[in-house]
C-alpha atoms as a PDB file:
ATOM      1  CA  MET A   1     -74.506   7.330   1.478  1.00  0.00           C
ATOM      2  CA  MET A   2     -78.222   6.766   0.894  1.00  0.00           C
ATOM      3  CA  PHE A   3     -79.627   3.442  -0.156  1.00  0.00           C
ATOM      4  CA  MET A   4     -83.114   2.550  -1.193  1.00  0.00           C
ATOM      5  CA  GLU A   5     -84.996  -0.048   0.771  1.00  0.00           C
ATOM      6  CA  ILE A   6     -84.442  -3.574  -0.515  1.00  0.00           C
ATOM      7  CA  VAL A   7     -87.378  -5.955  -0.285  1.00  0.00           C
ATOM      8  CA  TYR A   8     -87.265  -9.664  -1.088  1.00  0.00           C
ATOM      9  CA  ARG A   9     -90.278 -11.938  -1.300  1.00  0.00           C
ATOM     10  CA  PRO A  10     -89.968 -15.658  -0.622  1.00  0.00           C
ATOM     11  CA  ILE A  11     -90.292 -17.943  -3.636  1.00  0.00           C
ATOM     12  CA  GLY A  12     -91.054 -20.952  -1.466  1.00  0.00           C
ATOM     13  CA  VAL A  13     -90.578 -22.622   1.888  1.00  0.00           C
ATOM     14  CA  ILE A  14     -88.076 -25.241   3.072  1.00  0.00           C
ATOM     15  CA  ARG A  15     -89.453 -28.260   4.951  1.00  0.00           C
ATOM     16  CA  THR A  16     -87.114 -30.241   7.202  1.00  0.00           C
ATOM     17  CA  PRO A  17     -87.237 -32.490  10.273  1.00  0.00           C
ATOM     18  CA  PHE A  18     -85.844 -29.664  12.451  1.00  0.00           C
ATOM     19  CA  LYS A  19     -88.682 -27.856  14.243  1.00  0.00           C
ATOM     20  CA  SER A  20     -86.363 -25.432  16.079  1.00  0.00           C
ATOM     21  CA  PRO A  21     -82.759 -24.300  15.574  1.00  0.00           C
ATOM     22  CA  VAL A  22     -81.483 -26.276  18.567  1.00  0.00           C
ATOM     23  CA  GLY A  23     -79.843 -29.467  17.314  1.00  0.00           C
ATOM     24  CA  VAL A  24     -79.638 -28.483  13.644  1.00  0.00           C
ATOM     25  CA  PRO A  25     -76.331 -29.357  11.938  1.00  0.00           C
ATOM     26  CA  ILE A  26     -74.419 -26.121  11.400  1.00  0.00           C
ATOM     27  CA  GLN A  27     -73.447 -26.828   7.763  1.00  0.00           C
ATOM     28  CA  PRO A  28     -74.714 -29.273   5.081  1.00  0.00           C
ATOM     29  CA  PRO A  29     -71.777 -31.735   5.391  1.00  0.00           C
ATOM     30  CA  ALA A  30     -72.721 -32.227   9.063  1.00  0.00           C
ATOM     31  CA  GLY A  31     -76.298 -32.970   7.954  1.00  0.00           C
ATOM     32  CA  ARG A  32     -75.272 -35.679   5.495  1.00  0.00           C
ATOM     33  CA  GLY A  33     -78.254 -37.886   4.719  1.00  0.00           C
ATOM     34  CA  VAL A  34     -80.816 -35.594   6.391  1.00  0.00           C
ATOM     35  CA  ARG A  35     -83.723 -35.159   3.975  1.00  0.00           C
ATOM     36  CA  GLY A  36     -85.985 -32.232   3.307  1.00  0.00           C
ATOM     37  CA  VAL A  37     -88.354 -30.812   0.724  1.00  0.00           C
ATOM     38  CA  VAL A  38     -88.303 -27.405  -0.891  1.00  0.00           C
ATOM     39  CA  GLU A  39     -91.823 -26.283  -1.807  1.00  0.00           C
ATOM     40  CA  VAL A  40     -91.646 -23.662  -4.549  1.00  0.00           C
ATOM     41  CA  PHE A  41     -94.697 -21.424  -4.786  1.00  0.00           C
ATOM     42  CA  PRO A  42     -96.790 -22.077  -7.933  1.00  0.00           C
ATOM     43  CA  GLU A  43     -95.969 -18.765  -9.610  1.00  0.00           C
ATOM     44  CA  TYR A  44     -92.250 -19.715  -9.662  1.00  0.00           C
ATOM     45  CA  VAL A  45     -92.488 -23.358 -10.824  1.00  0.00           C
ATOM     46  CA  GLU A  46     -91.647 -22.460 -14.438  1.00  0.00           C
ATOM     47  CA  GLY A  47     -88.238 -21.339 -13.171  1.00  0.00           C
ATOM     48  CA  LEU A  48     -87.423 -24.954 -12.179  1.00  0.00           C
ATOM     49  CA  LYS A  49     -87.146 -25.995 -15.846  1.00  0.00           C
ATOM     50  CA  ASP A  50     -83.788 -27.712 -16.531  1.00  0.00           C
ATOM     51  CA  LEU A  51     -82.792 -27.858 -12.839  1.00  0.00           C
ATOM     52  CA  GLU A  52     -83.178 -31.658 -12.702  1.00  0.00           C
ATOM     53  CA  GLY A  53     -79.823 -32.102 -14.478  1.00  0.00           C
ATOM     54  CA  PHE A  54     -77.886 -30.757 -11.480  1.00  0.00           C
ATOM     55  CA  SER A  55     -76.838 -32.984  -8.584  1.00  0.00           C
ATOM     56  CA  TYR A  56     -76.423 -30.097  -6.120  1.00  0.00           C
ATOM     57  CA  ILE A  57     -78.185 -26.779  -5.694  1.00  0.00           C
ATOM     58  CA  ILE A  58     -77.493 -23.671  -3.654  1.00  0.00           C
ATOM     59  CA  LEU A  59     -80.412 -22.571  -1.497  1.00  0.00           C
ATOM     60  CA  ILE A  60     -80.485 -18.930  -0.435  1.00  0.00           C
ATOM     61  CA  TYR A  61     -82.867 -18.267   2.417  1.00  0.00           C
ATOM     62  CA  HIS A  62     -83.923 -15.938   5.213  1.00  0.00           C
ATOM     63  CA  PHE A  63     -83.023 -16.837   8.815  1.00  0.00           C
ATOM     64  CA  HIS A  64     -86.582 -16.066   9.946  1.00  0.00           C
ATOM     65  CA  LEU A  65     -86.053 -17.007  13.602  1.00  0.00           C
ATOM     66  CA  VAL A  66     -83.107 -14.678  14.162  1.00  0.00           C
ATOM     67  CA  LYS A  67     -84.258 -11.601  16.083  1.00  0.00           C
ATOM     68  CA  ARG A  68     -80.951  -9.844  16.728  1.00  0.00           C
ATOM     69  CA  TYR A  69     -77.481  -9.465  15.356  1.00  0.00           C
ATOM     70  CA  SER A  70     -74.085  -8.496  16.588  1.00  0.00           C
ATOM     71  CA  LEU A  71     -71.026  -7.464  14.625  1.00  0.00           C
ATOM     72  CA  ARG A  72     -68.948  -9.692  16.937  1.00  0.00           C
ATOM     73  CA  ASP A  73     -70.129 -12.995  18.306  1.00  0.00           C
ATOM     74  CA  THR A  74     -68.758 -16.376  19.324  1.00  0.00           C
ATOM     75  CA  PRO A  75     -69.342 -18.868  16.498  1.00  0.00           C
ATOM     76  CA  TYR A  76     -70.294 -22.501  17.094  1.00  0.00           C
ATOM     77  CA  MET A  77     -66.858 -24.052  16.631  1.00  0.00           C
ATOM     78  CA  ASP A  78     -64.920 -21.475  18.646  1.00  0.00           C
ATOM     79  CA  SER A  79     -64.694 -19.920  22.092  1.00  0.00           C
ATOM     80  CA  GLU A  80     -63.514 -16.498  20.905  1.00  0.00           C
ATOM     81  CA  ALA A  81     -65.720 -13.673  19.606  1.00  0.00           C
ATOM     82  CA  ARG A  82     -65.189 -13.111  15.872  1.00  0.00           C
ATOM     83  CA  GLY A  83     -66.360 -10.498  13.413  1.00  0.00           C
ATOM     84  CA  VAL A  84     -69.698 -11.596  11.944  1.00  0.00           C
ATOM     85  CA  PHE A  85     -68.375 -11.350   8.381  1.00  0.00           C
ATOM     86  CA  ALA A  86     -65.644 -13.870   9.249  1.00  0.00           C
ATOM     87  CA  THR A  87     -68.311 -16.404  10.319  1.00  0.00           C
ATOM     88  CA  ARG A  88     -71.373 -18.114   8.934  1.00  0.00           C
ATOM     89  CA  ALA A  89     -73.407 -17.326  12.033  1.00  0.00           C
ATOM     90  CA  PRO A  90     -77.099 -16.671  11.325  1.00  0.00           C
ATOM     91  CA  ALA A  91     -77.272 -13.503  13.471  1.00  0.00           C
ATOM     92  CA  ARG A  92     -76.178 -10.989  10.803  1.00  0.00           C
ATOM     93  CA  PRO A  93     -77.275  -7.489   9.738  1.00  0.00           C
ATOM     94  CA  ASN A  94     -79.099  -9.144   6.820  1.00  0.00           C
ATOM     95  CA  PRO A  95     -79.996 -12.642   8.075  1.00  0.00           C
ATOM     96  CA  ILE A  96     -79.422 -14.472   4.801  1.00  0.00           C
ATOM     97  CA  GLY A  97     -78.264 -18.084   4.732  1.00  0.00           C
ATOM     98  CA  ILE A  98     -76.856 -20.316   2.019  1.00  0.00           C
ATOM     99  CA  SER A  99     -76.648 -24.094   1.840  1.00  0.00           C
ATOM    100  CA  ILE A 100     -75.384 -26.395  -0.880  1.00  0.00           C
ATOM    101  CA  VAL A 101     -77.661 -29.431  -0.781  1.00  0.00           C
ATOM    102  CA  LYS A 102     -78.013 -32.593  -2.833  1.00  0.00           C
ATOM    103  CA  LEU A 103     -80.927 -32.505  -5.278  1.00  0.00           C
ATOM    104  CA  VAL A 104     -82.538 -35.959  -5.209  1.00  0.00           C
ATOM    105  CA  LYS A 105     -85.536 -35.349  -7.472  1.00  0.00           C
ATOM    106  CA  ILE A 106     -88.125 -32.821  -8.563  1.00  0.00           C
ATOM    107  CA  GLU A 107     -91.861 -33.535  -8.595  1.00  0.00           C
ATOM    108  CA  GLY A 108     -93.950 -30.573  -9.690  1.00  0.00           C
ATOM    109  CA  ASN A 109     -93.227 -27.739  -7.272  1.00  0.00           C
ATOM    110  CA  LYS A 110     -91.321 -29.947  -4.806  1.00  0.00           C
ATOM    111  CA  LEU A 111     -87.574 -30.404  -4.734  1.00  0.00           C
ATOM    112  CA  TYR A 112     -86.471 -33.375  -2.653  1.00  0.00           C
ATOM    113  CA  ILE A 113     -83.109 -32.653  -1.073  1.00  0.00           C
ATOM    114  CA  GLU A 114     -80.483 -34.219   1.217  1.00  0.00           C
ATOM    115  CA  ASP A 115     -77.696 -32.962   3.481  1.00  0.00           C
ATOM    116  CA  VAL A 116     -79.983 -30.454   5.160  1.00  0.00           C
ATOM    117  CA  ASP A 117     -78.921 -27.911   7.797  1.00  0.00           C
ATOM    118  CA  ILE A 118     -82.037 -25.718   7.754  1.00  0.00           C
ATOM    119  CA  VAL A 119     -84.938 -25.214  10.183  1.00  0.00           C
ATOM    120  CA  ASP A 120     -88.417 -26.275   9.037  1.00  0.00           C
ATOM    121  CA  GLY A 121     -90.512 -23.436   7.626  1.00  0.00           C
ATOM    122  CA  THR A 122     -87.544 -21.346   6.483  1.00  0.00           C
ATOM    123  CA  PRO A 123     -88.496 -18.873   3.715  1.00  0.00           C
ATOM    124  CA  LEU A 124     -86.655 -19.590   0.447  1.00  0.00           C
ATOM    125  CA  LEU A 125     -85.314 -16.533  -1.401  1.00  0.00           C
ATOM    126  CA  ASP A 126     -83.564 -18.136  -4.379  1.00  0.00           C
ATOM    127  CA  ILE A 127     -82.139 -21.316  -5.907  1.00  0.00           C
ATOM    128  CA  LYS A 128     -78.953 -21.517  -7.948  1.00  0.00           C
ATOM    129  CA  PRO A 129     -77.283 -24.543  -9.512  1.00  0.00           C
ATOM    130  CA  TYR A 130     -74.017 -25.662  -7.945  1.00  0.00           C
ATOM    131  CA  VAL A 131     -71.294 -25.752 -10.611  1.00  0.00           C
ATOM    132  CA  PRO A 132     -67.876 -26.951  -9.381  1.00  0.00           C
ATOM    133  CA  GLU A 133     -66.032 -24.969 -12.053  1.00  0.00           C
ATOM    134  CA  PHE A 134     -67.747 -21.785 -10.810  1.00  0.00           C
ATOM    135  CA  ASP A 135     -67.853 -22.446  -7.082  1.00  0.00           C
ATOM    136  CA  TYR A 136     -64.840 -24.563  -6.086  1.00  0.00           C
ATOM    137  CA  ARG A 137     -61.589 -22.789  -5.285  1.00  0.00           C
ATOM    138  CA  PRO A 138     -58.549 -25.054  -4.796  1.00  0.00           C
ATOM    139  CA  ASN A 139     -56.023 -24.019  -2.146  1.00  0.00           C
ATOM    140  CA  ALA A 140     -58.521 -21.686  -0.462  1.00  0.00           C
ATOM    141  CA  ARG A 141     -57.488 -20.465   2.990  1.00  0.00           C
ATOM    142  CA  ILE A 142     -60.123 -20.663   5.730  1.00  0.00           C
ATOM    143  CA  GLY A 143     -58.686 -18.296   8.322  1.00  0.00           C
ATOM    144  CA  TRP A 144     -59.463 -18.942  11.984  1.00  0.00           C
ATOM    145  CA  LEU A 145     -61.482 -22.055  11.038  1.00  0.00           C
ATOM    146  CA  GLU A 146     -58.335 -23.907   9.925  1.00  0.00           C
ATOM    147  CA  LYS A 147     -57.815 -25.467  13.365  1.00  0.00           C
ATOM    148  CA  ARG A 148     -61.513 -25.869  14.158  1.00  0.00           C
ATOM    149  CA  VAL A 149     -63.129 -27.265  11.009  1.00  0.00           C
ATOM    150  CA  LYS A 150     -62.598 -30.821  12.337  1.00  0.00           C
ATOM    151  CA  LYS A 151     -65.359 -30.073  14.875  1.00  0.00           C
ATOM    152  CA  LEU A 152     -67.979 -29.672  12.110  1.00  0.00           C
ATOM    153  CA  LYS A 153     -69.276 -33.243  12.047  1.00  0.00           C
ATOM    154  CA  ASN A 154     -70.368 -33.162  15.686  1.00  0.00           C
ATOM    155  CA  THR A 155     -71.307 -29.496  16.113  1.00  0.00           C
ATOM    156  CA  ARG A 156     -75.001 -28.589  16.308  1.00  0.00           C
ATOM    157  CA  ASP A 157     -76.917 -25.365  16.787  1.00  0.00           C
ATOM    158  CA  ASP A 158     -77.366 -24.658  20.481  1.00  0.00           C
ATOM    159  CA  GLY A 159     -79.808 -21.776  20.090  1.00  0.00           C
ATOM    160  CA  ARG A 160     -77.297 -19.017  20.843  1.00  0.00           C
ATOM    161  CA  PHE A 161     -78.337 -16.858  17.869  1.00  0.00           C
ATOM    162  CA  MET A 162     -82.108 -16.911  18.392  1.00  0.00           C
END
């Protein structure tokens, strides 16, 4: 099967206190209270209209520091290699990340956010509003993470996917 090349251009950059992946919380709930700023490039500011009414947003971004991927790897909260599509590991065939963060305020092209789990300087690909009726699924199963999700609060990036 042939596919055309897909090219995305960043619409902004994410600024956070984390200068390298080591030590970054591995999901937004583990980064509760950590603040950051999303700087949207001027040509995309018009697209922020009406976003201020949402308390949470979904950031879609490029894991720019990831240089390799594997279809099986050992995720942060496990000691067993898992299929990459059964994890949220950054080392993926298309290194795309997502984070649901709290939107504190918007000033011009800057979105002030909390609950950050992203490295400083990360290229932003898109922003979507978080809507519980669209995004929440009650009684969802979480596979192999069921017995490990309790480790989230204290688990940090150790640099294994760089």
